[in-house]
C-alpha atoms as a PDB file:
ATOM      1  CA  MET A   1       9.921 -21.201  -8.482  1.00  0.00           C
ATOM      2  CA  LEU A   2      10.705 -17.498  -8.448  1.00  0.00           C
ATOM      3  CA  GLU A   3      13.141 -16.186  -5.886  1.00  0.00           C
ATOM      4  CA  PRO A   4      11.761 -13.435  -3.589  1.00  0.00           C
ATOM      5  CA  GLU A   5      13.765 -10.713  -5.373  1.00  0.00           C
ATOM      6  CA  LYS A   6      12.626 -11.856  -8.825  1.00  0.00           C
ATOM      7  CA  PHE A   7       9.068 -12.257  -7.614  1.00  0.00           C
ATOM      8  CA  SER A   8       9.192  -8.662  -6.372  1.00  0.00           C
ATOM      9  CA  VAL A   9      10.471  -7.404  -9.735  1.00  0.00           C
ATOM     10  CA  VAL A  10       7.759  -9.319 -11.602  1.00  0.00           C
ATOM     11  CA  GLY A  11       5.147  -7.905  -9.255  1.00  0.00           C
ATOM     12  CA  ILE A  12       6.391  -4.361  -9.821  1.00  0.00           C
ATOM     13  CA  LYS A  13       6.311  -4.831 -13.595  1.00  0.00           C
ATOM     14  CA  ILE A  14       2.772  -6.227 -13.516  1.00  0.00           C
ATOM     15  CA  GLY A  15       1.636  -3.357 -11.309  1.00  0.00           C
ATOM     16  CA  THR A  16       3.318  -0.807 -13.564  1.00  0.00           C
ATOM     17  CA  ILE A  17       1.775  -2.260 -16.724  1.00  0.00           C
ATOM     18  CA  THR A  18      -1.665  -2.283 -15.097  1.00  0.00           C
ATOM     19  CA  ALA A  19      -1.294   1.356 -14.023  1.00  0.00           C
ATOM     20  CA  ASN A  20      -0.070   2.366 -17.476  1.00  0.00           C
ATOM     21  CA  LEU A  21      -2.949   0.694 -19.304  1.00  0.00           C
ATOM     22  CA  ALA A  22      -5.447   2.105 -16.824  1.00  0.00           C
ATOM     23  CA  SER A  23      -4.149   5.630 -17.387  1.00  0.00           C
ATOM     24  CA  ILE A  24      -4.384   5.381 -21.178  1.00  0.00           C
ATOM     25  CA  ALA A  25      -7.842   3.793 -20.937  1.00  0.00           C
ATOM     26  CA  SER A  26      -9.002   6.574 -18.610  1.00  0.00           C
ATOM     27  CA  PHE A  27      -8.110   9.220 -21.184  1.00  0.00           C
ATOM     28  CA  VAL A  28      -9.803   7.248 -23.974  1.00  0.00           C
ATOM     29  CA  PHE A  29     -12.974   6.821 -21.903  1.00  0.00           C
ATOM     30  CA  TYR A  30     -12.861  10.522 -20.985  1.00  0.00           C
ATOM     31  CA  ILE A  31     -12.845  11.482 -24.663  1.00  0.00           C
ATOM     32  CA  ALA A  32     -15.541   8.948 -25.538  1.00  0.00           C
ATOM     33  CA  GLY A  33     -17.832  10.215 -22.804  1.00  0.00           C
ATOM     34  CA  ARG A  34     -17.021  13.901 -23.073  1.00  0.00           C
ATOM     35  CA  SER A  35     -19.534  14.952 -25.732  1.00  0.00           C
ATOM     36  CA  ARG A  36     -22.502  12.694 -25.122  1.00  0.00           C
ATOM     37  CA  THR A  37     -24.584  15.707 -24.063  1.00  0.00           C
ATOM     38  CA  LEU A  38     -23.876  17.517 -27.334  1.00  0.00           C
ATOM     39  CA  PRO A  39     -26.580  17.034 -29.969  1.00  0.00           C
ATOM     40  CA  ALA A  40     -24.145  17.372 -32.869  1.00  0.00           C
ATOM     41  CA  ARG A  41     -21.686  14.618 -31.977  1.00  0.00           C
ATOM     42  CA  SER A  42     -21.598  11.504 -29.813  1.00  0.00           C
ATOM     43  CA  GLY A  43     -18.704  10.427 -27.619  1.00  0.00           C
ATOM     44  CA  GLY A  44     -17.736   7.682 -30.042  1.00  0.00           C
ATOM     45  CA  GLU A  45     -17.651  10.148 -32.927  1.00  0.00           C
ATOM     46  CA  GLU A  46     -15.519  12.498 -30.860  1.00  0.00           C
ATOM     47  CA  LEU A  47     -13.011   9.744 -30.115  1.00  0.00           C
ATOM     48  CA  THR A  48     -12.903   8.739 -33.784  1.00  0.00           C
ATOM     49  CA  ILE A  49     -12.178  12.317 -34.837  1.00  0.00           C
ATOM     50  CA  ILE A  50      -9.352  12.656 -32.305  1.00  0.00           C
ATOM     51  CA  LEU A  51      -7.853   9.371 -33.530  1.00  0.00           C
ATOM     52  CA  TYR A  52      -8.024  10.518 -37.158  1.00  0.00           C
ATOM     53  CA  LEU A  53      -6.406  13.847 -36.302  1.00  0.00           C
ATOM     54  CA  ALA A  54      -3.690  12.156 -34.251  1.00  0.00           C
ATOM     55  CA  VAL A  55      -2.730   9.670 -36.970  1.00  0.00           C
ATOM     56  CA  LEU A  56      -2.743  12.318 -39.708  1.00  0.00           C
ATOM     57  CA  ALA A  57      -0.765  14.753 -37.547  1.00  0.00           C
ATOM     58  CA  ALA A  58       1.779  12.067 -36.630  1.00  0.00           C
ATOM     59  CA  ILE A  59       2.250  11.124 -40.302  1.00  0.00           C
ATOM     60  CA  SER A  60       2.634  14.800 -41.230  1.00  0.00           C
ATOM     61  CA  TYR A  61       5.164  15.268 -38.445  1.00  0.00           C
ATOM     62  CA  GLY A  62       7.213  12.324 -39.707  1.00  0.00           C
ATOM     63  CA  ILE A  63       7.140  13.594 -43.288  1.00  0.00           C
ATOM     64  CA  LEU A  64       8.078  17.154 -42.324  1.00  0.00           C
ATOM     65  CA  TRP A  65      10.993  16.023 -40.167  1.00  0.00           C
ATOM     66  CA  THR A  66      12.259  13.684 -42.884  1.00  0.00           C
ATOM     67  CA  VAL A  67      12.121  16.521 -45.431  1.00  0.00           C
ATOM     68  CA  ALA A  68      13.875  18.868 -42.993  1.00  0.00           C
ATOM     69  CA  GLU A  69      16.674  16.358 -42.377  1.00  0.00           C
ATOM     70  CA  ARG A  70      17.276  15.981 -46.088  1.00  0.00           C
ATOM     71  CA  LEU A  71      16.965  19.697 -46.781  1.00  0.00           C
ATOM     72  CA  PHE A  72      19.492  20.683 -44.101  1.00  0.00           C
ATOM     73  CA  HIS A  73      21.633  17.536 -44.482  1.00  0.00           C
ATOM     74  CA  TRP A  74      20.994  16.345 -40.927  1.00  0.00           C
ATOM     75  CA  ASP A  75      21.152  12.719 -39.878  1.00  0.00           C
ATOM     76  CA  TYR A  76      19.607  12.252 -36.448  1.00  0.00           C
ATOM     77  CA  GLY A  77      17.959   8.972 -37.333  1.00  0.00           C
ATOM     78  CA  GLY A  78      15.053   9.429 -34.947  1.00  0.00           C
ATOM     79  CA  GLY A  79      17.491   9.386 -32.019  1.00  0.00           C
ATOM     80  CA  SER A  80      18.860   5.955 -32.934  1.00  0.00           C
ATOM     81  CA  LYS A  81      22.269   7.386 -33.861  1.00  0.00           C
ATOM     82  CA  GLY A  82      22.888   8.945 -30.466  1.00  0.00           C
ATOM     83  CA  LYS A  83      22.549  12.506 -31.774  1.00  0.00           C
ATOM     84  CA  PHE A  84      19.988  15.071 -30.693  1.00  0.00           C
ATOM     85  CA  PRO A  85      18.902  18.251 -32.452  1.00  0.00           C
ATOM     86  CA  ALA A  86      19.953  21.522 -30.854  1.00  0.00           C
ATOM     87  CA  GLY A  87      19.582  25.204 -31.599  1.00  0.00           C
ATOM     88  CA  TRP A  88      18.153  25.759 -35.069  1.00  0.00           C
ATOM     89  CA  SER A  89      17.474  22.058 -35.622  1.00  0.00           C
ATOM     90  CA  ALA A  90      15.514  21.948 -32.345  1.00  0.00           C
ATOM     91  CA  VAL A  91      13.395  24.874 -33.542  1.00  0.00           C
ATOM     92  CA  VAL A  92      12.761  23.088 -36.849  1.00  0.00           C
ATOM     93  CA  LEU A  93      11.774  19.939 -34.942  1.00  0.00           C
ATOM     94  CA  SER A  94       9.331  22.058 -32.960  1.00  0.00           C
ATOM     95  CA  LEU A  95       7.799  23.416 -36.166  1.00  0.00           C
ATOM     96  CA  CYS A  96       7.427  19.862 -37.456  1.00  0.00           C
ATOM     97  CA  VAL A  97       5.285  19.172 -34.376  1.00  0.00           C
ATOM     98  CA  THR A  98       3.216  22.363 -34.299  1.00  0.00           C
ATOM     99  CA  LEU A  99       2.522  22.860 -38.012  1.00  0.00           C
ATOM    100  CA  PRO A 100       0.543  19.591 -38.274  1.00  0.00           C
ATOM    101  CA  LEU A 101      -1.432  20.595 -35.187  1.00  0.00           C
ATOM    102  CA  ALA A 102      -2.326  23.843 -36.932  1.00  0.00           C
ATOM    103  CA  ILE A 103      -3.011  22.570 -40.450  1.00  0.00           C
ATOM    104  CA  VAL A 104      -4.313  18.984 -40.127  1.00  0.00           C
ATOM    105  CA  PRO A 105      -7.488  19.852 -38.146  1.00  0.00           C
ATOM    106  CA  TYR A 106      -8.235  22.689 -40.596  1.00  0.00           C
ATOM    107  CA  ALA A 107      -7.801  20.363 -43.581  1.00  0.00           C
ATOM    108  CA  PHE A 108      -9.956  17.748 -41.838  1.00  0.00           C
ATOM    109  CA  GLU A 109     -12.713  20.331 -41.445  1.00  0.00           C
ATOM    110  CA  ARG A 110     -12.521  21.363 -45.080  1.00  0.00           C
ATOM    111  CA  PHE A 111     -12.604  17.819 -46.449  1.00  0.00           C
ATOM    112  CA  THR A 112     -15.195  16.327 -44.101  1.00  0.00           C
ATOM    113  CA  GLY A 113     -17.361  19.318 -43.206  1.00  0.00           C
ATOM    114  CA  THR A 114     -17.030  18.355 -39.528  1.00  0.00           C
ATOM    115  CA  LEU A 115     -16.502  21.254 -37.141  1.00  0.00           C
ATOM    116  CA  VAL A 116     -13.306  20.674 -35.169  1.00  0.00           C
ATOM    117  CA  LEU A 117     -11.567  23.973 -34.517  1.00  0.00           C
ATOM    118  CA  PRO A 118     -12.537  26.764 -32.116  1.00  0.00           C
ATOM    119  CA  PRO A 119     -12.872  30.249 -33.668  1.00  0.00           C
ATOM    120  CA  MET A 120      -9.527  31.558 -32.354  1.00  0.00           C
ATOM    121  CA  HIS A 121      -7.495  28.549 -33.528  1.00  0.00           C
ATOM    122  CA  TRP A 122      -5.013  30.327 -35.786  1.00  0.00           C
ATOM    123  CA  ARG A 123      -4.176  33.079 -33.308  1.00  0.00           C
ATOM    124  CA  ALA A 124      -3.797  30.548 -30.524  1.00  0.00           C
ATOM    125  CA  MET A 125      -1.480  28.454 -32.685  1.00  0.00           C
ATOM    126  CA  LEU A 126       0.847  31.443 -33.127  1.00  0.00           C
ATOM    127  CA  ILE A 127       1.341  31.387 -29.363  1.00  0.00           C
ATOM    128  CA  VAL A 128       1.795  27.612 -29.411  1.00  0.00           C
ATOM    129  CA  VAL A 129       4.422  27.817 -32.163  1.00  0.00           C
ATOM    130  CA  VAL A 130       6.507  30.238 -30.088  1.00  0.00           C
ATOM    131  CA  SER A 131       6.040  28.428 -26.767  1.00  0.00           C
ATOM    132  CA  ALA A 132       6.784  25.054 -28.358  1.00  0.00           C
ATOM    133  CA  ALA A 133      10.009  26.399 -29.870  1.00  0.00           C
ATOM    134  CA  VAL A 134      11.082  27.645 -26.438  1.00  0.00           C
ATOM    135  CA  CYS A 135      10.214  24.231 -24.959  1.00  0.00           C
ATOM    136  CA  HIS A 136      12.310  22.409 -27.548  1.00  0.00           C
ATOM    137  CA  LEU A 137      15.264  24.703 -26.935  1.00  0.00           C
ATOM    138  CA  ALA A 138      14.964  24.074 -23.202  1.00  0.00           C
ATOM    139  CA  ILE A 139      14.836  20.320 -23.800  1.00  0.00           C
ATOM    140  CA  TYR A 140      17.509  20.026 -26.496  1.00  0.00           C
ATOM    141  CA  GLY A 141      19.580  23.139 -25.829  1.00  0.00           C
ATOM    142  CA  THR A 142      21.533  25.340 -28.203  1.00  0.00           C
ATOM    143  CA  ASP A 143      24.673  24.727 -30.230  1.00  0.00           C
ATOM    144  CA  VAL A 144      26.742  26.831 -27.809  1.00  0.00           C
ATOM    145  CA  GLU A 145      28.620  25.092 -24.975  1.00  0.00           C
ATOM    146  CA  ARG A 146      26.824  21.788 -25.302  1.00  0.00           C
ATOM    147  CA  PRO A 147      25.335  20.027 -23.474  1.00  0.00           C
ATOM    148  CA  ASN A 148      23.028  22.761 -22.217  1.00  0.00           C
ATOM    149  CA  GLY A 149      19.646  21.094 -22.761  1.00  0.00           C
ATOM    150  CA  LEU A 150      17.715  18.956 -20.318  1.00  0.00           C
ATOM    151  CA  ARG A 151      17.790  15.952 -22.668  1.00  0.00           C
ATOM    152  CA  GLU A 152      21.555  15.589 -22.727  1.00  0.00           C
ATOM    153  CA  LYS A 153      21.920  16.398 -19.044  1.00  0.00           C
ATOM    154  CA  ILE A 154      19.421  13.750 -17.943  1.00  0.00           C
ATOM    155  CA  VAL A 155      20.034  11.117 -20.626  1.00  0.00           C
ATOM    156  CA  PRO A 156      23.483  11.852 -22.151  1.00  0.00           C
ATOM    157  CA  ARG A 157      24.048  10.588 -25.661  1.00  0.00           C
ATOM    158  CA  GLN A 158      26.269   7.561 -26.241  1.00  0.00           C
ATOM    159  CA  GLN A 159      25.695   6.444 -22.633  1.00  0.00           C
ATOM    160  CA  HIS A 160      23.463   3.742 -21.182  1.00  0.00           C
ATOM    161  CA  ALA A 161      20.308   5.342 -19.809  1.00  0.00           C
ATOM    162  CA  PRO A 162      19.184   4.069 -16.385  1.00  0.00           C
ATOM    163  CA  PHE A 163      15.472   3.281 -16.325  1.00  0.00           C
ATOM    164  CA  LEU A 164      14.639   6.034 -13.820  1.00  0.00           C
ATOM    165  CA  ARG A 165      16.389   8.671 -15.919  1.00  0.00           C
ATOM    166  CA  ALA A 166      14.641   7.432 -19.048  1.00  0.00           C
ATOM    167  CA  VAL A 167      11.150   7.759 -17.560  1.00  0.00           C
ATOM    168  CA  THR A 168      12.087  11.062 -15.920  1.00  0.00           C
ATOM    169  CA  MET A 169      12.842  12.405 -19.385  1.00  0.00           C
ATOM    170  CA  GLU A 170       9.423  11.278 -20.619  1.00  0.00           C
ATOM    171  CA  ALA A 171       7.813  13.092 -17.691  1.00  0.00           C
ATOM    172  CA  ILE A 172       9.681  16.250 -18.671  1.00  0.00           C
ATOM    173  CA  TYR A 173       8.479  15.915 -22.253  1.00  0.00           C
ATOM    174  CA  GLY A 174       4.921  15.623 -20.981  1.00  0.00           C
ATOM    175  CA  ILE A 175       5.200  18.579 -18.601  1.00  0.00           C
ATOM    176  CA  PHE A 176       6.574  20.827 -21.326  1.00  0.00           C
ATOM    177  CA  PHE A 177       4.184  19.692 -24.062  1.00  0.00           C
ATOM    178  CA  PHE A 178       0.979  19.850 -22.061  1.00  0.00           C
ATOM    179  CA  GLY A 179       1.958  22.765 -19.848  1.00  0.00           C
ATOM    180  CA  PHE A 180       3.305  25.010 -22.594  1.00  0.00           C
ATOM    181  CA  MET A 181       1.330  23.915 -25.646  1.00  0.00           C
ATOM    182  CA  VAL A 182      -2.092  22.622 -24.650  1.00  0.00           C
ATOM    183  CA  LEU A 183      -2.641  25.012 -21.728  1.00  0.00           C
ATOM    184  CA  PRO A 184      -1.912  28.300 -23.555  1.00  0.00           C
ATOM    185  CA  TYR A 185      -3.923  27.094 -26.546  1.00  0.00           C
ATOM    186  CA  ARG A 186      -6.993  26.352 -24.451  1.00  0.00           C
ATOM    187  CA  LEU A 187      -6.674  29.525 -22.372  1.00  0.00           C
ATOM    188  CA  PHE A 188      -6.593  31.571 -25.571  1.00  0.00           C
ATOM    189  CA  VAL A 189      -9.430  29.871 -27.468  1.00  0.00           C
ATOM    190  CA  ASN A 190     -11.714  29.567 -24.439  1.00  0.00           C
ATOM    191  CA  PRO A 191     -10.663  31.807 -21.527  1.00  0.00           C
ATOM    192  CA  SER A 192     -13.950  31.088 -19.740  1.00  0.00           C
ATOM    193  CA  GLU A 193     -13.342  27.332 -19.615  1.00  0.00           C
ATOM    194  CA  PRO A 194     -13.675  26.109 -15.993  1.00  0.00           C
ATOM    195  CA  LEU A 195     -10.259  25.652 -14.420  1.00  0.00           C
ATOM    196  CA  VAL A 196     -10.791  22.190 -12.892  1.00  0.00           C
ATOM    197  CA  PRO A 197     -12.005  20.474 -16.107  1.00  0.00           C
ATOM    198  CA  LEU A 198      -9.230  22.267 -17.984  1.00  0.00           C
ATOM    199  CA  LEU A 199      -6.477  21.057 -15.678  1.00  0.00           C
ATOM    200  CA  MET A 200      -7.892  17.569 -15.142  1.00  0.00           C
ATOM    201  CA  GLY A 201      -9.311  16.647 -18.544  1.00  0.00           C
ATOM    202  CA  ARG A 202      -7.017  18.553 -20.864  1.00  0.00           C
ATOM    203  CA  GLU A 203      -3.779  18.571 -18.879  1.00  0.00           C
ATOM    204  CA  LEU A 204      -3.519  15.797 -16.297  1.00  0.00           C
ATOM    205  CA  LEU A 205      -5.251  12.957 -18.141  1.00  0.00           C
ATOM    206  CA  PRO A 206      -3.373  13.491 -21.443  1.00  0.00           C
ATOM    207  CA  PHE A 207      -0.115  13.873 -19.529  1.00  0.00           C
ATOM    208  CA  LEU A 208      -0.678  10.622 -17.638  1.00  0.00           C
ATOM    209  CA  ALA A 209      -1.698   8.772 -20.800  1.00  0.00           C
ATOM    210  CA  PHE A 210       1.467   9.963 -22.558  1.00  0.00           C
ATOM    211  CA  PHE A 211       3.809   9.387 -19.618  1.00  0.00           C
ATOM    212  CA  PHE A 212       2.519   5.948 -18.656  1.00  0.00           C
ATOM    213  CA  GLY A 213       2.251   4.867 -22.281  1.00  0.00           C
ATOM    214  CA  MET A 214       5.908   5.674 -22.886  1.00  0.00           C
ATOM    215  CA  THR A 215       6.894   4.178 -19.535  1.00  0.00           C
ATOM    216  CA  LEU A 216       5.071   0.993 -20.493  1.00  0.00           C
ATOM    217  CA  PHE A 217       6.992   0.613 -23.746  1.00  0.00           C
ATOM    218  CA  ILE A 218      10.350   1.558 -22.223  1.00  0.00           C
ATOM    219  CA  GLY A 219       9.810  -0.879 -19.354  1.00  0.00           C
ATOM    220  CA  ILE A 220       8.704  -3.807 -21.506  1.00  0.00           C
ATOM    221  CA  ARG A 221      11.673  -3.526 -23.882  1.00  0.00           C
ATOM    222  CA  TYR A 222      14.252  -2.153 -21.432  1.00  0.00           C
ATOM    223  CA  PRO A 223      17.204  -1.847 -21.943  1.00  0.00           C
ATOM    224  CA  ASP A 224      16.750  -2.344 -25.715  1.00  0.00           C
ATOM    225  CA  SER A 225      14.255   0.518 -25.800  1.00  0.00           C
ATOM    226  CA  MET A 226      17.072   2.888 -24.794  1.00  0.00           C
ATOM    227  CA  ASP A 227      20.151   1.186 -26.271  1.00  0.00           C
ATOM    228  CA  ASP A 228      19.225  -0.717 -29.443  1.00  0.00           C
ATOM    229  CA  PRO A 229      18.943   1.536 -32.555  1.00  0.00           C
ATOM    230  CA  ALA A 230      16.040  -0.445 -34.010  1.00  0.00           C
ATOM    231  CA  TRP A 231      14.008  -0.298 -30.801  1.00  0.00           C
ATOM    232  CA  ILE A 232      14.867   3.368 -30.327  1.00  0.00           C
ATOM    233  CA  GLN A 233      13.278   4.053 -33.706  1.00  0.00           C
ATOM    234  CA  VAL A 234      10.220   2.014 -32.715  1.00  0.00           C
ATOM    235  CA  ARG A 235      10.048   4.040 -29.494  1.00  0.00           C
ATOM    236  CA  GLY A 236      10.158   7.212 -31.564  1.00  0.00           C
ATOM    237  CA  ILE A 237       7.259   6.083 -33.753  1.00  0.00           C
ATOM    238  CA  ILE A 238       5.155   5.096 -30.757  1.00  0.00           C
ATOM    239  CA  GLY A 239       6.094   8.318 -29.003  1.00  0.00           C
ATOM    240  CA  GLY A 240       5.072  10.391 -32.022  1.00  0.00           C
ATOM    241  CA  LEU A 241       1.670   8.707 -32.298  1.00  0.00           C
ATOM    242  CA  LEU A 242       1.001   8.891 -28.574  1.00  0.00           C
ATOM    243  CA  THR A 243       2.133  12.519 -28.381  1.00  0.00           C
ATOM    244  CA  MET A 244      -0.164  13.584 -31.204  1.00  0.00           C
ATOM    245  CA  PHE A 245      -3.104  11.632 -29.791  1.00  0.00           C
ATOM    246  CA  CYS A 246      -2.741  13.246 -26.382  1.00  0.00           C
ATOM    247  CA  LEU A 247      -2.087  16.735 -27.790  1.00  0.00           C
ATOM    248  CA  CYS A 248      -5.088  16.530 -30.136  1.00  0.00           C
ATOM    249  CA  GLY A 249      -7.260  15.259 -27.310  1.00  0.00           C
ATOM    250  CA  GLY A 250      -6.194  18.083 -25.039  1.00  0.00           C
ATOM    251  CA  MET A 251      -6.413  20.829 -27.636  1.00  0.00           C
ATOM    252  CA  PHE A 252      -9.319  19.961 -29.914  1.00  0.00           C
ATOM    253  CA  LEU A 253     -11.744  18.005 -27.762  1.00  0.00           C
ATOM    254  CA  SER A 254     -15.031  19.936 -27.900  1.00  0.00           C
END
């Protein structure tokens, strides 16, 4: 029989998992139901396209970052070695995120003939590239007087990360990514988009899906998800896929 304290912990975990899954499901259902009124594409087709874009963008991100590490002789190991990019390497990491978001949907259009991108995509992506680089510098800091980035201040390297600090860092990632990448992109490509659907469907829902998805994984495998190199790499893979899915959903959903 569970002791009261253990019963409480189990109850909290079950409640957290339920909330996390509900948040991710809400975003998926939002995408699936978003375009049912459009004659050209059904909700299911829209969801399939976003999933394709997310997987392709995540793979491209992984390849670009691997090439960059070899080209510049870096060895961050996806965070599993307790080292974080900073300064120039943080800017390169940002480019590895934004370049797939710019190129993959365009290539998808060319190969499939399916309209994905709004007319002002390339100009909007120039803004996203700059804002994302600033975000990554704010998160990871510069090479001068380290640590000066939010990542090392909240979750210092080579130290055990308390659960609350770990999920706080994921919230910060989400705030920066969706506030400074998705929002400027959408405001540029469609300035007449109603504010409430923009903030709810393209900002809040993707943010919650990302945050609760990462919280779910961290919580299930904690503390290994923050301390064990193998599980840190798994967390990075899941984080990359989830990030690209939520970013593509927020940016490219018609």
